[in-house]
Protein backbone atom coordinates (compact mmCIF):
# COMPACT_ATOMS: atom_id res chain seq x y z
CA MET A 1 -13.63 2.02 -3.88
CA GLN A 2 -11.23 3.83 -1.59
CA TYR A 3 -11.05 3.35 2.20
CA LEU A 4 -10.26 6.00 4.80
CA SER A 5 -9.38 5.75 8.47
CA THR A 6 -11.87 6.80 11.12
CA ARG A 7 -9.02 8.81 12.66
CA GLY A 8 -8.07 10.61 9.46
CA ASN A 9 -4.30 10.23 9.45
CA ALA A 10 -3.81 7.37 7.01
CA GLU A 11 -3.52 7.33 3.24
CA PRO A 12 -6.57 6.04 1.32
CA LYS A 13 -6.34 2.36 0.43
CA THR A 14 -8.09 -0.22 -1.73
CA PHE A 15 -10.03 -3.23 -0.47
CA THR A 16 -7.19 -5.67 -0.97
CA GLN A 17 -4.77 -3.30 0.74
CA ILE A 18 -6.87 -3.21 3.91
CA LEU A 19 -7.86 -6.89 3.70
CA LEU A 20 -4.67 -8.19 5.29
CA GLY A 21 -3.88 -5.25 7.53
CA GLY A 22 -6.50 -4.91 10.28
CA LEU A 23 -6.13 -1.51 11.93
CA MET A 24 -5.07 1.43 9.78
CA GLU A 25 -1.61 2.82 10.49
CA ASP A 26 -3.04 5.67 12.61
CA GLY A 27 -4.90 3.22 14.86
CA GLY A 28 -8.27 3.87 13.22
CA LEU A 29 -10.66 1.54 11.43
CA ALA A 30 -11.20 1.38 7.69
CA LEU A 31 -14.44 2.64 6.16
CA PRO A 32 -15.34 3.34 2.54
CA VAL A 33 -15.24 6.97 1.43
CA THR A 34 -18.97 6.65 0.77
CA TYR A 35 -21.48 3.85 1.18
CA PRO A 36 -22.65 2.52 -2.19
CA LYS A 37 -26.40 2.96 -2.67
CA VAL A 38 -28.88 0.30 -3.75
CA GLY A 39 -32.03 1.55 -5.46
CA ASP A 40 -35.46 0.04 -5.92
CA ALA A 41 -34.69 -1.64 -9.23
CA GLU A 42 -31.56 -3.30 -7.87
CA LEU A 43 -33.37 -4.45 -4.73
CA SER A 44 -36.00 -6.06 -6.94
CA ALA A 45 -33.34 -7.85 -8.96
CA MET A 46 -31.69 -9.10 -5.76
CA ARG A 47 -34.88 -10.73 -4.45
CA SER A 48 -34.54 -13.84 -6.58
CA MET A 49 -30.80 -14.31 -6.07
CA SER A 50 -29.19 -17.27 -4.32
CA TYR A 51 -26.99 -16.50 -1.34
CA SER A 52 -23.78 -16.66 -3.36
CA GLU A 53 -25.27 -14.44 -6.07
CA LEU A 54 -26.40 -11.96 -3.44
CA ALA A 55 -22.96 -12.05 -1.81
CA PHE A 56 -21.33 -11.21 -5.13
CA ALA A 57 -23.81 -8.38 -5.77
CA VAL A 58 -23.08 -6.79 -2.38
CA LEU A 59 -19.36 -7.49 -2.09
CA SER A 60 -18.52 -6.36 -5.62
CA LYS A 61 -19.55 -2.85 -4.57
CA PHE A 62 -16.85 -2.84 -1.88
CA ALA A 63 -14.12 -5.03 -3.42
CA ASP A 64 -13.94 -3.54 -6.91
CA ASP A 65 -10.19 -4.14 -7.15
CA ILE A 66 -10.74 -7.93 -7.23
CA PRO A 67 -11.55 -9.09 -10.77
CA ALA A 68 -15.22 -10.02 -11.06
CA SER A 69 -14.44 -13.57 -12.18
CA ASP A 70 -12.17 -14.12 -9.18
CA LEU A 71 -14.70 -12.70 -6.72
CA HIS A 72 -17.43 -14.87 -8.25
CA ALA A 73 -15.24 -17.93 -7.76
CA LEU A 74 -14.47 -17.01 -4.15
CA VAL A 75 -18.09 -16.51 -3.11
CA ASP A 76 -19.22 -19.61 -5.01
CA LYS A 77 -16.54 -21.64 -3.21
CA THR A 78 -17.58 -20.19 0.15
CA TYR A 79 -21.36 -20.20 0.14
CA THR A 80 -22.40 -23.78 -0.55
CA ALA A 81 -25.01 -25.96 1.09
CA GLU A 82 -22.26 -28.40 2.06
CA VAL A 83 -20.40 -25.76 4.09
CA TYR A 84 -23.51 -24.29 5.71
CA CYS A 85 -25.53 -27.42 6.42
CA ASN A 86 -24.57 -29.18 9.66
CA GLY A 87 -27.37 -31.74 9.58
CA ARG A 88 -29.49 -29.65 11.92
CA PRO A 89 -32.95 -31.19 12.36
CA ASP A 90 -36.03 -29.27 11.26
CA SER A 91 -34.02 -26.69 9.32
CA ASP A 92 -33.81 -25.77 5.67
CA ALA A 93 -30.13 -25.02 6.20
CA ALA A 94 -29.33 -25.64 2.54
CA ALA A 95 -31.08 -22.33 1.81
CA ILE A 96 -28.28 -20.60 3.80
CA THR A 97 -29.47 -18.25 6.57
CA PRO A 98 -33.15 -19.27 6.27
CA LEU A 99 -35.87 -17.57 8.31
CA ARG A 100 -37.71 -19.65 10.89
CA GLU A 101 -41.17 -18.21 11.56
CA LEU A 102 -42.15 -18.38 15.22
CA GLU A 103 -45.44 -16.61 14.63
CA PRO A 104 -46.74 -14.20 11.99
CA GLY A 105 -44.27 -11.33 11.76
CA LEU A 106 -41.72 -12.82 14.18
CA TYR A 107 -38.71 -14.66 12.79
CA LEU A 108 -35.38 -16.14 13.74
CA GLN A 109 -32.76 -15.89 11.01
CA GLU A 110 -30.59 -18.99 11.22
CA LEU A 111 -26.98 -17.88 10.99
CA SER A 112 -25.48 -20.83 12.86
CA ASN A 113 -25.47 -23.63 10.30
CA GLY A 114 -21.77 -23.24 9.52
CA PRO A 115 -18.89 -25.46 10.62
CA THR A 116 -18.49 -23.97 14.13
CA LEU A 117 -22.23 -23.47 14.79
CA ALA A 118 -21.97 -19.68 15.13
CA PHE A 119 -22.95 -16.71 12.96
CA LYS A 120 -19.32 -15.70 12.53
CA ASP A 121 -18.84 -18.56 10.08
CA MET A 122 -20.91 -16.56 7.59
CA ALA A 123 -18.07 -14.07 7.20
CA MET A 124 -15.06 -16.01 8.42
CA GLN A 125 -15.27 -18.78 5.80
CA LEU A 126 -15.12 -16.09 3.11
CA LEU A 127 -12.28 -14.33 4.91
CA GLY A 128 -10.23 -17.52 4.87
CA ASN A 129 -10.66 -17.85 1.12
CA LEU A 130 -9.93 -14.15 0.55
CA PHE A 131 -6.74 -14.36 2.59
CA GLU A 132 -5.50 -17.42 0.73
CA TYR A 133 -6.32 -15.75 -2.60
CA ALA A 134 -4.54 -12.49 -1.77
CA LEU A 135 -1.48 -14.18 -0.30
CA ALA A 136 -1.10 -16.53 -3.27
CA LYS A 137 -1.23 -13.60 -5.72
CA ASN A 138 1.59 -11.81 -3.90
CA GLY A 139 3.58 -14.81 -2.69
CA ASP A 140 3.21 -13.53 0.89
CA THR A 141 2.61 -15.04 4.32
CA LEU A 142 0.41 -13.75 7.16
CA ASN A 143 0.36 -14.14 10.93
CA ILE A 144 -3.19 -13.58 12.10
CA LEU A 145 -3.49 -12.20 15.62
CA GLY A 146 -6.98 -12.19 17.06
CA ALA A 147 -8.94 -12.00 20.29
CA THR A 148 -12.10 -13.89 21.09
CA SER A 149 -14.71 -14.04 23.82
CA GLY A 150 -15.84 -17.38 22.42
CA ASP A 151 -17.12 -17.68 18.88
CA THR A 152 -14.70 -15.61 16.80
CA GLY A 153 -11.77 -17.81 17.76
CA SER A 154 -13.18 -21.14 16.67
CA SER A 155 -14.73 -19.62 13.55
CA ALA A 156 -11.41 -18.09 12.53
CA GLU A 157 -9.41 -21.21 13.27
CA TYR A 158 -11.73 -23.49 11.35
CA ALA A 159 -11.67 -21.07 8.42
CA MET A 160 -7.88 -20.77 8.39
CA ARG A 161 -6.77 -24.31 9.24
CA GLY A 162 -4.72 -25.69 6.39
CA LYS A 163 -4.65 -22.39 4.50
CA LYS A 164 -1.35 -21.82 2.72
CA GLY A 165 0.81 -19.04 4.08
CA VAL A 166 -1.40 -18.40 7.14
CA LYS A 167 -0.75 -18.91 10.86
CA VAL A 168 -3.33 -18.04 13.54
CA PHE A 169 -2.49 -16.77 17.04
CA MET A 170 -5.79 -16.52 18.93
CA LEU A 171 -6.09 -14.90 22.37
CA SER A 172 -8.99 -15.81 24.66
CA PRO A 173 -9.79 -15.03 28.32
CA TYR A 174 -8.48 -17.88 30.47
CA GLY A 175 -11.31 -20.00 31.91
CA LYS A 176 -14.12 -17.71 30.76
CA MET A 177 -15.51 -19.48 27.68
CA SER A 178 -18.03 -22.32 27.74
CA ALA A 179 -16.62 -25.85 27.82
CA PHE A 180 -17.81 -26.41 24.24
CA GLN A 181 -16.25 -23.19 22.96
CA THR A 182 -12.96 -23.99 24.69
CA ALA A 183 -12.88 -27.52 23.27
CA GLN A 184 -13.68 -26.28 19.75
CA MET A 185 -10.54 -24.17 19.78
CA PHE A 186 -8.10 -25.97 22.02
CA SER A 187 -8.70 -29.44 20.52
CA LEU A 188 -7.40 -28.36 17.12
CA GLN A 189 -4.00 -29.88 16.43
CA ASP A 190 -3.25 -28.13 13.13
CA PRO A 191 0.35 -26.88 13.07
CA ASN A 192 -0.70 -23.39 11.90
CA ILE A 193 -3.09 -22.83 14.85
CA PHE A 194 -1.93 -21.43 18.21
CA ASN A 195 -4.23 -20.73 21.17
CA LEU A 196 -3.14 -18.30 23.89
CA ALA A 197 -5.25 -18.17 27.07
CA VAL A 198 -4.84 -14.73 28.66
CA ARG A 199 -5.05 -14.36 32.44
CA GLY A 200 -7.70 -11.65 32.18
CA VAL A 201 -10.95 -10.77 30.44
CA PHE A 202 -11.74 -10.42 26.74
CA ASP A 203 -10.97 -6.70 26.76
CA ASP A 204 -7.44 -7.45 27.97
CA ALA A 205 -6.96 -9.81 25.04
CA GLN A 206 -8.43 -7.30 22.61
CA ASP A 207 -6.19 -4.53 23.95
CA ILE A 208 -3.13 -6.72 23.33
CA VAL A 209 -4.19 -7.26 19.72
CA LYS A 210 -4.66 -3.52 19.24
CA ALA A 211 -1.32 -2.73 20.87
CA VAL A 212 0.49 -5.15 18.58
CA SER A 213 -1.37 -3.80 15.55
CA ASN A 214 -0.36 -0.26 16.52
CA ASP A 215 3.33 -1.23 16.64
CA LEU A 216 3.86 -0.61 12.93
CA ASP A 217 7.44 -1.86 12.83
CA PHE A 218 6.55 -5.16 14.50
CA LYS A 219 3.35 -5.48 12.47
CA THR A 220 5.23 -5.05 9.20
CA LYS A 221 8.17 -7.27 10.09
CA GLN A 222 6.00 -10.12 11.40
CA ARG A 223 3.25 -9.74 8.76
CA ILE A 224 0.49 -9.28 11.35
CA GLY A 225 -3.14 -9.30 10.20
CA THR A 226 -6.45 -9.59 12.01
CA VAL A 227 -9.74 -11.47 11.72
CA ASN A 228 -11.62 -9.66 14.47
CA SER A 229 -14.43 -7.43 13.35
CA ILE A 230 -11.93 -4.58 13.14
CA ASN A 231 -11.22 -6.25 9.77
CA TRP A 232 -13.48 -4.54 7.25
CA ALA A 233 -13.90 -7.68 5.13
CA ARG A 234 -15.46 -9.43 8.14
CA VAL A 235 -18.06 -6.72 8.57
CA VAL A 236 -18.97 -6.27 4.91
CA ALA A 237 -19.46 -10.02 4.46
CA GLN A 238 -22.04 -9.87 7.25
CA VAL A 239 -24.00 -7.19 5.39
CA VAL A 240 -25.14 -9.89 2.96
CA TYR A 241 -27.40 -11.76 5.36
CA TYR A 242 -29.30 -8.59 6.25
CA PHE A 243 -30.31 -8.38 2.60
CA LYS A 244 -31.19 -12.08 2.57
CA GLY A 245 -33.30 -11.80 5.72
CA TYR A 246 -35.09 -8.71 4.47
CA PHE A 247 -36.09 -10.35 1.19
CA ALA A 248 -37.31 -13.49 2.97
CA ALA A 249 -39.56 -11.49 5.33
CA THR A 250 -41.10 -9.11 2.76
CA GLN A 251 -42.89 -9.19 -0.56
CA SER A 252 -42.10 -5.69 -1.83
CA ASN A 253 -39.48 -3.00 -1.38
CA ASP A 254 -41.88 -0.56 0.25
CA GLN A 255 -42.03 -2.77 3.35
CA GLU A 256 -39.74 -2.18 6.31
CA VAL A 257 -38.40 -4.67 8.84
CA ALA A 258 -36.69 -4.54 12.23
CA PHE A 259 -33.63 -6.57 13.14
CA SER A 260 -32.81 -7.46 16.74
CA VAL A 261 -29.13 -8.23 17.19
CA PRO A 262 -27.29 -9.63 20.23
CA SER A 263 -24.33 -7.28 20.47
CA GLY A 264 -20.95 -7.41 22.18
CA ASN A 265 -18.25 -6.02 19.92
CA PHE A 266 -20.71 -4.13 17.67
CA GLY A 267 -19.56 -5.91 14.50
CA ASN A 268 -22.79 -7.78 13.75
CA ILE A 269 -25.09 -4.81 14.18
CA CYS A 270 -22.59 -2.53 12.44
CA ALA A 271 -23.19 -4.65 9.34
CA GLY A 272 -26.90 -3.88 9.72
CA HIS A 273 -26.10 -0.18 9.99
CA ILE A 274 -24.12 -0.39 6.75
CA ALA A 275 -26.94 -2.28 5.00
CA ARG A 276 -29.35 0.46 6.06
CA MET A 277 -26.98 3.18 4.88
CA MET A 278 -26.87 1.39 1.52
CA GLY A 279 -30.63 1.73 1.23
CA LEU A 280 -32.01 -1.52 2.65
CA PRO A 281 -35.44 -0.62 4.15
CA ILE A 282 -34.64 -1.26 7.82
CA ARG A 283 -37.01 0.56 10.14
CA ARG A 284 -35.24 -0.34 13.37
CA LEU A 285 -31.93 -1.83 14.50
CA ILE A 286 -32.49 -3.21 17.98
CA LEU A 287 -29.27 -3.68 19.95
CA ALA A 288 -29.40 -6.30 22.71
CA THR A 289 -26.75 -6.59 25.42
CA ASN A 290 -26.38 -8.81 28.44
CA GLU A 291 -25.30 -7.63 31.90
CA ASN A 292 -22.31 -5.97 30.21
CA ASN A 293 -24.54 -3.16 28.99
CA VAL A 294 -22.00 -0.54 27.84
CA LEU A 295 -23.59 -0.19 24.40
CA ASP A 296 -27.14 -0.12 25.74
CA GLU A 297 -26.08 2.64 28.12
CA PHE A 298 -24.74 4.70 25.23
CA PHE A 299 -27.88 4.46 23.11
CA ARG A 300 -30.02 5.36 26.11
CA THR A 301 -27.88 8.15 27.57
CA GLY A 302 -25.17 9.22 25.13
CA VAL A 303 -22.43 8.12 27.53
CA TYR A 304 -19.89 5.55 26.33
CA ARG A 305 -18.12 4.21 29.41
CA PRO A 306 -16.10 1.04 28.87
CA ARG A 307 -15.70 -0.97 32.06
CA GLY A 308 -12.52 -2.31 33.56
CA ALA A 309 -11.84 -5.99 34.18
CA ALA A 310 -13.27 -5.76 37.70
CA GLU A 311 -16.60 -4.47 36.34
CA THR A 312 -16.92 -6.93 33.45
CA HIS A 313 -19.43 -9.64 34.32
CA GLN A 314 -18.90 -13.30 33.44
CA THR A 315 -22.30 -14.35 32.13
CA SER A 316 -24.18 -17.22 30.52
CA SER A 317 -23.96 -15.40 27.16
CA PRO A 318 -20.16 -15.18 27.28
CA SER A 319 -19.55 -14.10 23.69
CA MET A 320 -21.04 -10.75 24.74
CA ASP A 321 -18.93 -10.33 27.86
CA ILE A 322 -17.28 -7.31 26.31
CA SER A 323 -17.11 -3.78 27.63
CA LYS A 324 -14.99 -2.08 24.95
CA ALA A 325 -16.67 -2.57 21.57
CA SER A 326 -13.93 -2.13 18.98
CA ASN A 327 -16.33 -1.79 16.04
CA PHE A 328 -18.32 0.97 17.72
CA GLU A 329 -15.82 3.52 16.40
CA ARG A 330 -17.14 2.99 12.86
CA PHE A 331 -20.67 3.98 13.87
CA VAL A 332 -19.50 6.96 15.93
CA TYR A 333 -17.53 8.16 12.89
CA ASP A 334 -20.81 8.31 10.95
CA LEU A 335 -22.70 9.78 13.91
CA VAL A 336 -20.30 12.74 14.25
CA GLY A 337 -20.55 13.59 10.57
CA ARG A 338 -17.45 11.63 9.56
CA ASP A 339 -15.19 14.12 11.28
CA PRO A 340 -11.97 12.26 12.15
CA ALA A 341 -10.80 15.03 14.47
CA VAL A 342 -13.81 14.41 16.70
CA VAL A 343 -13.21 10.64 16.62
CA ARG A 344 -9.54 11.10 17.52
CA GLU A 345 -10.48 13.21 20.52
CA LEU A 346 -13.16 10.78 21.72
CA TRP A 347 -10.92 7.74 21.42
CA ARG A 348 -8.02 9.53 23.02
CA GLU A 349 -10.11 9.33 26.18
CA VAL A 350 -11.17 5.72 25.56
CA ASP A 351 -7.62 4.59 24.90
CA LYS A 352 -6.59 6.13 28.22
CA GLY A 353 -9.24 4.06 29.98
CA GLY A 354 -11.77 6.87 30.14
CA ALA A 355 -15.21 7.57 28.73
CA PHE A 356 -16.98 10.15 26.59
CA ASP A 357 -20.35 11.85 26.82
CA LEU A 358 -22.23 12.98 23.69
CA SER A 359 -25.54 13.54 25.47
CA ARG A 360 -25.30 17.34 25.35
CA THR A 361 -23.95 17.54 21.82
CA PRO A 362 -25.79 17.97 18.51
CA TYR A 363 -24.41 14.57 17.51
CA PHE A 364 -26.57 12.65 19.96
CA LEU A 365 -29.66 14.45 18.71
CA ARG A 366 -29.04 12.66 15.39
CA ILE A 367 -29.16 9.19 16.97
CA ALA A 368 -32.76 8.73 15.84
CA ASP A 369 -31.67 9.25 12.23
CA TYR A 370 -29.83 5.93 12.43
CA ALA A 371 -32.85 3.95 13.70
CA PHE A 372 -31.11 2.40 16.72
CA THR A 373 -32.81 1.37 19.92
CA SER A 374 -31.48 -0.88 22.66
CA GLY A 375 -32.05 -2.93 25.79
CA ASN A 376 -30.37 -5.46 28.02
CA SER A 377 -30.98 -8.94 29.37
CA SER A 378 -29.99 -10.86 32.49
CA HIS A 379 -29.36 -14.53 33.26
CA ALA A 380 -32.89 -14.84 34.64
CA ASP A 381 -34.24 -13.27 31.44
CA ARG A 382 -32.29 -15.75 29.31
CA ILE A 383 -33.58 -18.73 31.25
CA GLU A 384 -37.16 -17.48 31.02
CA THR A 385 -36.90 -16.73 27.29
CA ILE A 386 -35.35 -20.12 26.48
CA GLN A 387 -38.11 -21.85 28.44
CA ARG A 388 -40.90 -19.81 26.87
CA VAL A 389 -39.68 -20.27 23.29
CA TRP A 390 -39.31 -24.03 23.82
CA LYS A 391 -42.78 -24.32 25.36
CA GLN A 392 -44.56 -21.98 22.95
CA TYR A 393 -42.86 -22.80 19.66
CA GLY A 394 -40.95 -26.04 20.22
CA VAL A 395 -37.74 -24.25 19.25
CA MET A 396 -34.53 -24.41 21.30
CA ILE A 397 -32.41 -21.26 21.23
CA ASP A 398 -29.01 -20.40 22.67
CA THR A 399 -28.36 -17.83 25.36
CA HIS A 400 -27.28 -14.98 23.08
CA THR A 401 -30.24 -15.43 20.76
CA ALA A 402 -32.41 -15.36 23.89
CA ASP A 403 -30.97 -11.94 24.73
CA GLY A 404 -31.82 -10.76 21.22
CA LEU A 405 -35.35 -12.14 21.35
CA LYS A 406 -36.10 -10.71 24.78
CA VAL A 407 -34.96 -7.20 23.86
CA GLY A 408 -36.45 -7.45 20.36
CA LEU A 409 -39.91 -8.24 21.72
CA GLU A 410 -39.68 -5.32 24.14
CA ASN A 411 -39.12 -3.01 21.16
CA ARG A 412 -41.46 -4.69 18.66
CA GLU A 413 -43.70 -2.47 16.57
CA THR A 414 -47.09 -3.58 15.36
CA GLY A 415 -47.12 -4.38 11.65
CA VAL A 416 -43.32 -4.37 11.29
CA PRO A 417 -41.74 -7.82 10.77
CA LEU A 418 -39.17 -8.53 13.51
CA ILE A 419 -36.15 -10.61 12.55
CA VAL A 420 -34.03 -11.80 15.47
CA LEU A 421 -30.54 -12.82 14.40
CA GLU A 422 -29.68 -16.25 15.76
CA THR A 423 -26.03 -16.15 16.75
CA ALA A 424 -25.18 -19.71 17.81
CA LEU A 425 -26.64 -23.17 18.30
CA PRO A 426 -27.66 -24.17 21.83
CA ALA A 427 -25.02 -26.94 21.88
CA LYS A 428 -22.33 -24.32 22.43
CA PHE A 429 -23.88 -23.40 25.79
CA GLU A 430 -25.06 -26.77 27.03
CA GLU A 431 -24.77 -25.98 30.73
CA THR A 432 -27.33 -23.18 30.58
CA ILE A 433 -29.68 -25.14 28.30
CA ILE A 434 -29.70 -27.97 30.84
CA GLU A 435 -30.41 -25.43 33.58
CA ALA A 436 -33.33 -23.98 31.61
CA LEU A 437 -34.85 -27.10 30.04
CA GLY A 438 -33.45 -30.06 31.93
CA GLN A 439 -32.11 -31.67 28.77
CA LYS A 440 -29.05 -31.58 26.56
CA PRO A 441 -29.31 -29.74 23.23
CA TRP A 442 -28.76 -31.46 19.90
CA ARG A 443 -25.27 -31.30 18.48
CA PRO A 444 -23.83 -32.48 15.15
CA LYS A 445 -22.08 -35.85 15.15
CA ALA A 446 -18.77 -34.15 14.42
CA TYR A 447 -18.97 -32.48 17.83
CA GLU A 448 -20.07 -35.42 19.97
CA ASN A 449 -17.75 -35.75 22.98
CA ILE A 450 -15.55 -32.88 21.75
CA GLU A 451 -14.89 -31.86 25.34
CA SER A 452 -13.02 -35.15 25.91
CA LEU A 453 -10.51 -34.58 23.11
CA PRO A 454 -6.91 -33.63 23.96
CA GLN A 455 -6.51 -29.87 24.20
CA ARG A 456 -3.52 -27.68 23.36
CA SER A 457 -3.05 -24.08 24.52
CA THR A 458 -0.52 -21.75 26.15
CA VAL A 459 -1.42 -19.60 29.16
CA VAL A 460 0.01 -16.06 29.05
CA ASP A 461 -0.15 -12.94 31.20
CA VAL A 462 -1.76 -9.67 30.16
CA ASP A 463 1.56 -8.73 28.60
CA VAL A 464 2.02 -7.38 25.08
CA GLU A 465 5.72 -8.24 24.97
CA GLN A 466 5.08 -11.83 26.03
CA VAL A 467 2.59 -12.27 23.19
CA LYS A 468 4.98 -10.65 20.71
CA ALA A 469 7.72 -13.03 21.76
CA PHE A 470 5.43 -16.02 21.29
CA VAL A 471 4.53 -14.87 17.77
CA VAL A 472 8.18 -14.41 16.84
CA ALA A 473 9.14 -17.81 18.24
CA ASN A 474 6.41 -19.59 16.31
CA SER A 475 6.39 -17.69 13.01
């Protein structure tokens, strides 16, 4: 399997070559030359697989330069009931990403049973093992530079802590994560973990990561890699749970399902797009945003207009407080017929702080071919949805999952199973749960009183050179 850049000016690479690199050298994102297809017979064989078996079946199509025995060992090490079972009450977490039926045809897919209580553990734990494997084979080291609006940071740090040859430099928006999210990251005392709080919003932090990644000399000299969803391995690992959810909600391959996905950086729903392109019978991909509705605006109007810091709202679903979705470029590449010249032109405007409008182009007429629909949710909507789900089903959901459920129900089709991807446990957003329900959410014993632990972080300006200097000083 060879990988190309969405911007067309990079040499084709293998999976292991792009694994450690993040952005391609032309600033684009890696995508396979073609999406591998899964037919009816293979889907039928997959139905009875365990999660680790399913992960191997999917990932082996994309990582064919890793020996099968090694890949088997990596996924078996990653996807165990011990790793993805946090003692959550009333959950069959040992099944890994089980479906919780709210009512006939309406499901939550539990993706938050990992060590940091967020869906990103499903990919990040594998990424940590892949990194350690690749570095050990080559005798190399890696400095991971990432940006987080909340969940990616803790998931990456917990996956990489103690890994040989790996240091993590994680940027987050200063004072804009929940208290739980902040404590998860900043309380870690591992010597290979560094937290940088950026005086800005998530997009400022993400722009710094991209700027460093685009400085090829610095990137090479300092061995810079990424764990954000610009990393292809992150995205492809998330494809697996779409297959798992589909099989759990259906009895035969002629049935279709809809997935509703809370979306900020477009990585989670991009994995659903890839699963559908592979042949998984997905009738609808429902994209849910919060007040930062840049992606919803695009799917409704054809206009992609990232907002500046002044227009980015701080909300009660903070992991989606993103206005420049870095993974969106992968979908647009497919939408414009995989023409890198078009992508280069579109992102030339985005990278200058501008926007682009596809509404009057033939490309936007093809949007229906990709089965996307969208909607947005507000704080009042989240509170109402959390209250209703608790009262009606006795299930407590977090704020982001509430966004997904609200928008999913607005776009629900009769007779089509709707699977809402749960993205985090309510404990991560305790303040809003108390506001909605008047009670504290359950949290695992390992996280009791985490907010009172000593915290360690460094505050930095929105300054690429300052971040580079910190990396050099601590490498």
